[in-house]
N, C-alpha and C. Protein backbone atom coordinates (compact mmCIF):
# COMPACT_ATOMS: atom_id res chain seq x y z
N MET A 1 -76.19 -9.00 -123.66
CA MET A 1 -74.78 -8.97 -123.32
C MET A 1 -74.99 -7.53 -122.61
N ASP A 2 -74.35 -7.45 -122.04
CA ASP A 2 -74.76 -5.86 -120.79
C ASP A 2 -74.34 -4.81 -121.13
N GLN A 3 -74.64 -3.74 -121.19
CA GLN A 3 -73.98 -2.55 -121.96
C GLN A 3 -72.59 -2.09 -121.42
N ILE A 4 -71.59 -1.63 -122.01
CA ILE A 4 -70.37 -1.34 -121.82
C ILE A 4 -70.39 -0.17 -121.54
N GLU A 5 -69.42 0.13 -120.21
CA GLU A 5 -69.88 1.54 -119.46
C GLU A 5 -69.16 2.31 -120.94
N PRO A 6 -69.09 3.39 -120.47
CA PRO A 6 -68.55 4.29 -121.69
C PRO A 6 -66.71 4.06 -121.21
N LEU A 7 -65.94 4.68 -121.85
CA LEU A 7 -64.30 5.25 -121.18
C LEU A 7 -64.65 6.15 -120.46
N ILE A 8 -63.46 6.08 -119.40
CA ILE A 8 -63.43 6.78 -118.21
C ILE A 8 -62.36 7.59 -118.14
N PRO A 9 -61.92 8.82 -117.93
CA PRO A 9 -60.72 9.39 -118.56
C PRO A 9 -59.79 9.25 -117.21
N ARG A 10 -58.35 8.77 -117.91
CA ARG A 10 -57.46 8.60 -117.02
C ARG A 10 -56.40 9.15 -116.41
N TRP A 11 -56.67 10.30 -117.26
CA TRP A 11 -55.21 11.53 -117.44
C TRP A 11 -53.80 11.22 -117.37
N VAL A 12 -53.58 9.76 -117.94
CA VAL A 12 -51.98 9.59 -118.36
C VAL A 12 -52.19 9.04 -120.21
N ALA A 13 -51.24 9.36 -120.57
CA ALA A 13 -50.77 8.98 -121.59
C ALA A 13 -50.73 7.50 -122.02
N ASN A 14 -51.07 6.89 -122.87
CA ASN A 14 -51.07 5.36 -123.45
C ASN A 14 -51.92 4.63 -122.45
N MET A 15 -52.81 5.01 -122.25
CA MET A 15 -53.53 4.05 -120.92
C MET A 15 -54.49 3.22 -121.69
N VAL A 16 -54.02 1.71 -121.02
CA VAL A 16 -54.89 0.64 -121.84
C VAL A 16 -55.72 -0.21 -120.73
N GLU A 17 -56.62 -0.94 -120.52
CA GLU A 17 -57.32 -1.74 -119.48
C GLU A 17 -57.30 -3.27 -120.28
N THR A 18 -57.20 -3.87 -119.52
CA THR A 18 -57.37 -5.58 -120.33
C THR A 18 -58.28 -5.92 -119.00
N GLU A 19 -59.53 -6.77 -119.71
CA GLU A 19 -60.09 -7.81 -118.36
C GLU A 19 -59.75 -9.45 -118.85
N GLN A 20 -59.80 -9.72 -118.24
CA GLN A 20 -59.78 -11.38 -118.14
C GLN A 20 -60.77 -12.05 -117.17
N VAL A 21 -61.76 -12.97 -117.92
CA VAL A 21 -62.97 -13.94 -117.40
C VAL A 21 -63.10 -15.39 -118.17
N LEU A 22 -62.92 -15.46 -116.32
CA LEU A 22 -62.88 -16.95 -116.07
C LEU A 22 -64.31 -17.22 -116.02
N LEU A 23 -65.29 -18.51 -116.36
CA LEU A 23 -66.11 -18.80 -116.32
C LEU A 23 -66.40 -19.92 -115.70
N TYR A 24 -66.83 -20.56 -115.06
CA TYR A 24 -66.85 -21.59 -114.27
C TYR A 24 -68.16 -22.24 -113.72
N HIS A 25 -68.94 -23.00 -114.21
CA HIS A 25 -70.10 -23.31 -113.55
C HIS A 25 -70.88 -21.94 -113.71
N HIS A 26 -71.40 -22.16 -112.07
CA HIS A 26 -71.75 -20.48 -111.96
C HIS A 26 -71.14 -19.58 -111.75
N TYR A 27 -69.77 -20.02 -111.29
CA TYR A 27 -68.88 -18.50 -111.16
C TYR A 27 -68.33 -17.90 -112.44
N ALA A 28 -68.34 -16.51 -112.09
CA ALA A 28 -67.10 -15.46 -112.57
C ALA A 28 -66.14 -15.05 -112.44
N LEU A 29 -64.69 -15.17 -112.34
CA LEU A 29 -63.87 -14.62 -111.51
C LEU A 29 -63.18 -13.68 -113.09
N SER A 30 -63.25 -12.30 -112.21
CA SER A 30 -62.35 -11.43 -113.52
C SER A 30 -61.22 -10.98 -113.37
N PHE A 31 -59.94 -10.51 -114.05
CA PHE A 31 -58.64 -9.80 -113.37
C PHE A 31 -59.13 -8.88 -114.24
N VAL A 32 -58.20 -7.90 -114.13
CA VAL A 32 -58.51 -6.82 -114.92
C VAL A 32 -56.43 -5.73 -114.19
N ALA A 33 -56.32 -5.40 -115.27
CA ALA A 33 -55.00 -5.26 -115.42
C ALA A 33 -54.81 -3.49 -116.07
N THR A 34 -54.49 -2.61 -116.07
CA THR A 34 -54.25 -1.57 -116.74
C THR A 34 -52.72 -0.93 -116.67
N ARG A 35 -52.55 -0.68 -117.75
CA ARG A 35 -50.74 0.21 -117.89
C ARG A 35 -51.25 1.34 -118.54
N GLY A 36 -50.43 2.36 -118.01
CA GLY A 36 -50.29 3.89 -118.94
C GLY A 36 -48.76 4.02 -118.61
N SER A 37 -48.38 5.43 -118.80
CA SER A 37 -46.82 6.24 -119.02
C SER A 37 -46.98 6.68 -117.35
N VAL A 38 -46.28 7.03 -116.62
CA VAL A 38 -46.17 7.20 -115.73
C VAL A 38 -47.11 8.50 -115.49
N PRO A 39 -47.53 8.45 -114.48
CA PRO A 39 -48.62 9.74 -114.08
C PRO A 39 -47.99 10.66 -113.26
N LEU A 40 -46.47 11.34 -114.14
CA LEU A 40 -45.54 12.36 -113.52
C LEU A 40 -45.87 13.87 -114.99
N PHE A 41 -45.55 14.95 -114.20
CA PHE A 41 -45.39 16.22 -116.07
C PHE A 41 -44.11 15.72 -116.25
N TRP A 42 -43.58 14.88 -117.49
CA TRP A 42 -42.35 14.89 -117.79
C TRP A 42 -42.48 15.06 -119.25
N SER A 43 -41.15 14.88 -119.83
CA SER A 43 -40.76 15.00 -121.17
C SER A 43 -39.76 14.05 -122.23
N GLN A 44 -39.72 13.60 -123.20
CA GLN A 44 -38.54 13.69 -123.38
C GLN A 44 -38.40 13.49 -125.32
N PRO A 45 -37.45 14.80 -125.69
CA PRO A 45 -37.11 14.66 -126.91
C PRO A 45 -36.74 12.94 -127.98
N GLY A 46 -37.65 13.20 -128.97
CA GLY A 46 -36.81 11.64 -129.58
C GLY A 46 -37.86 10.55 -128.51
N TYR A 47 -37.48 9.80 -129.46
CA TYR A 47 -37.65 8.31 -129.20
C TYR A 47 -37.24 7.13 -128.63
N LYS A 48 -35.76 7.59 -128.60
CA LYS A 48 -34.67 7.06 -127.52
C LYS A 48 -34.26 7.23 -126.20
N TYR A 49 -33.46 6.38 -125.57
CA TYR A 49 -33.75 6.22 -123.78
C TYR A 49 -32.90 7.57 -123.41
N ARG A 50 -31.63 8.29 -124.59
CA ARG A 50 -30.81 9.44 -124.89
C ARG A 50 -31.67 10.20 -124.90
N PRO A 51 -31.33 11.88 -124.97
CA PRO A 51 -31.50 11.91 -123.45
C PRO A 51 -32.75 11.19 -122.64
N PRO A 52 -32.29 11.09 -121.56
CA PRO A 52 -32.96 10.80 -120.32
C PRO A 52 -34.50 11.49 -120.37
N PRO A 53 -35.81 11.14 -119.92
CA PRO A 53 -37.01 11.92 -119.72
C PRO A 53 -36.35 12.85 -118.59
N ARG A 54 -36.86 14.07 -118.80
CA ARG A 54 -36.72 14.95 -118.32
C ARG A 54 -38.28 15.51 -117.04
N LEU A 55 -38.26 16.23 -116.20
CA LEU A 55 -39.29 16.00 -115.44
C LEU A 55 -39.83 17.66 -115.37
N ASP A 56 -40.93 17.94 -115.87
CA ASP A 56 -41.15 19.29 -115.91
C ASP A 56 -41.74 20.27 -115.17
N ARG A 57 -41.80 19.68 -113.82
CA ARG A 57 -42.58 20.49 -112.94
C ARG A 57 -42.64 19.70 -111.47
N THR A 58 -42.85 20.79 -111.11
CA THR A 58 -41.99 20.67 -109.40
C THR A 58 -42.26 19.29 -108.48
N GLU A 59 -41.62 18.86 -107.63
CA GLU A 59 -41.78 17.58 -107.10
C GLU A 59 -43.43 17.49 -106.34
N GLU A 60 -43.58 18.94 -105.78
CA GLU A 60 -45.19 18.39 -105.26
C GLU A 60 -45.96 18.02 -106.23
N GLU A 61 -46.29 19.23 -107.64
CA GLU A 61 -46.94 18.56 -108.77
C GLU A 61 -47.24 17.72 -109.01
N ASP A 62 -45.51 16.76 -109.07
CA ASP A 62 -46.04 15.53 -109.51
C ASP A 62 -46.61 14.83 -108.57
N LYS A 63 -46.15 14.83 -107.32
CA LYS A 63 -46.79 13.94 -106.25
C LYS A 63 -48.36 14.25 -106.08
N GLU A 64 -48.64 15.31 -106.05
CA GLU A 64 -50.17 15.97 -106.39
C GLU A 64 -51.22 15.08 -107.55
N ALA A 65 -50.02 14.69 -108.58
CA ALA A 65 -50.88 14.12 -110.14
C ALA A 65 -50.78 12.29 -109.80
N PHE A 66 -49.60 12.05 -108.87
CA PHE A 66 -49.60 10.50 -108.88
C PHE A 66 -50.46 10.20 -107.73
N GLY A 67 -50.64 11.11 -107.17
CA GLY A 67 -51.37 10.69 -105.99
C GLY A 67 -53.35 10.80 -106.48
N LYS A 68 -53.23 11.90 -107.14
CA LYS A 68 -54.54 11.74 -107.78
C LYS A 68 -54.78 10.42 -109.01
N HIS A 69 -53.94 10.26 -109.54
CA HIS A 69 -53.90 8.94 -110.56
C HIS A 69 -54.78 7.41 -109.92
N VAL A 70 -53.71 7.67 -108.37
CA VAL A 70 -53.72 6.14 -107.62
C VAL A 70 -54.96 6.33 -107.26
N ARG A 71 -55.39 7.04 -106.46
CA ARG A 71 -57.01 7.42 -106.22
C ARG A 71 -57.81 6.97 -106.97
N ARG A 72 -57.60 7.65 -108.08
CA ARG A 72 -58.97 7.33 -108.91
C ARG A 72 -58.43 5.80 -109.08
N GLU A 73 -57.72 5.28 -109.68
CA GLU A 73 -57.90 3.47 -110.05
C GLU A 73 -58.51 3.10 -108.71
N ILE A 74 -57.66 3.68 -107.21
CA ILE A 74 -58.67 2.98 -106.16
C ILE A 74 -60.12 2.74 -106.47
N ASP A 75 -60.74 4.01 -106.64
CA ASP A 75 -62.17 4.45 -106.75
C ASP A 75 -62.67 3.77 -108.07
N ILE A 76 -62.15 3.29 -108.89
CA ILE A 76 -62.52 2.74 -110.13
C ILE A 76 -62.79 0.79 -110.11
N TYR A 77 -61.60 0.35 -109.35
CA TYR A 77 -61.42 -0.79 -109.42
C TYR A 77 -61.51 -1.28 -107.63
N GLY A 78 -61.38 -0.08 -106.90
CA GLY A 78 -61.11 -1.03 -105.09
C GLY A 78 -59.69 -1.15 -105.29
N GLU A 79 -59.39 -1.86 -103.90
CA GLU A 79 -57.98 -2.08 -103.91
C GLU A 79 -58.00 -3.67 -103.30
N PRO A 80 -56.71 -4.45 -103.60
CA PRO A 80 -55.86 -3.70 -103.66
C PRO A 80 -54.89 -3.04 -105.37
N VAL A 81 -54.62 -1.82 -105.31
CA VAL A 81 -54.54 -1.62 -106.28
C VAL A 81 -52.17 -2.31 -106.17
N ARG A 82 -51.93 -2.83 -107.30
CA ARG A 82 -51.00 -3.04 -107.49
C ARG A 82 -49.59 -1.98 -108.68
N ALA A 83 -48.45 -1.86 -108.30
CA ALA A 83 -48.20 -0.89 -109.79
C ALA A 83 -46.67 -1.54 -109.38
N ALA A 84 -46.34 -1.38 -110.74
CA ALA A 84 -44.69 -2.40 -110.67
C ALA A 84 -44.09 -1.20 -111.99
N ALA A 85 -43.03 -0.88 -111.81
CA ALA A 85 -42.27 -0.47 -112.61
C ALA A 85 -41.39 -1.08 -113.77
N ARG A 86 -42.17 -1.13 -114.60
CA ARG A 86 -41.85 -1.97 -115.84
C ARG A 86 -40.98 -1.45 -117.35
N CYS A 87 -39.89 -0.56 -116.64
CA CYS A 87 -38.78 0.26 -117.30
C CYS A 87 -37.53 -0.30 -117.22
N ASN A 88 -36.99 -0.30 -118.51
CA ASN A 88 -35.33 -0.10 -118.95
C ASN A 88 -34.76 1.07 -117.75
N LEU A 89 -34.07 1.05 -116.92
CA LEU A 89 -33.45 1.61 -116.14
C LEU A 89 -31.85 2.24 -116.93
N GLU A 90 -31.63 1.47 -118.03
CA GLU A 90 -30.24 1.23 -118.28
C GLU A 90 -30.41 1.54 -120.00
N ALA A 91 -30.00 2.05 -120.70
CA ALA A 91 -30.28 2.39 -122.17
C ALA A 91 -28.83 1.31 -122.40
N THR A 92 -29.59 0.75 -123.95
CA THR A 92 -28.58 -0.54 -124.64
C THR A 92 -28.58 0.01 -125.81
């Protein structure tokens, strides 16, 4: 078995990496998905949707943090990197 690469810090909370490997004869295919908190400076008291999250830094600081996160993902996984918002925009 190959040596497992040490964990690489991602700079976001709740970061998870999942890899699915498909072996077919002498072919090996891999699909990697990562997910984690939004790479912005935010806070939210409590565990419910109310009050809504509060952005804690300037827009420029958030843009820089988001850009660093995306560039790091590209450095690790290559292109293309796809992003999807998986949040409920309305409180229930």
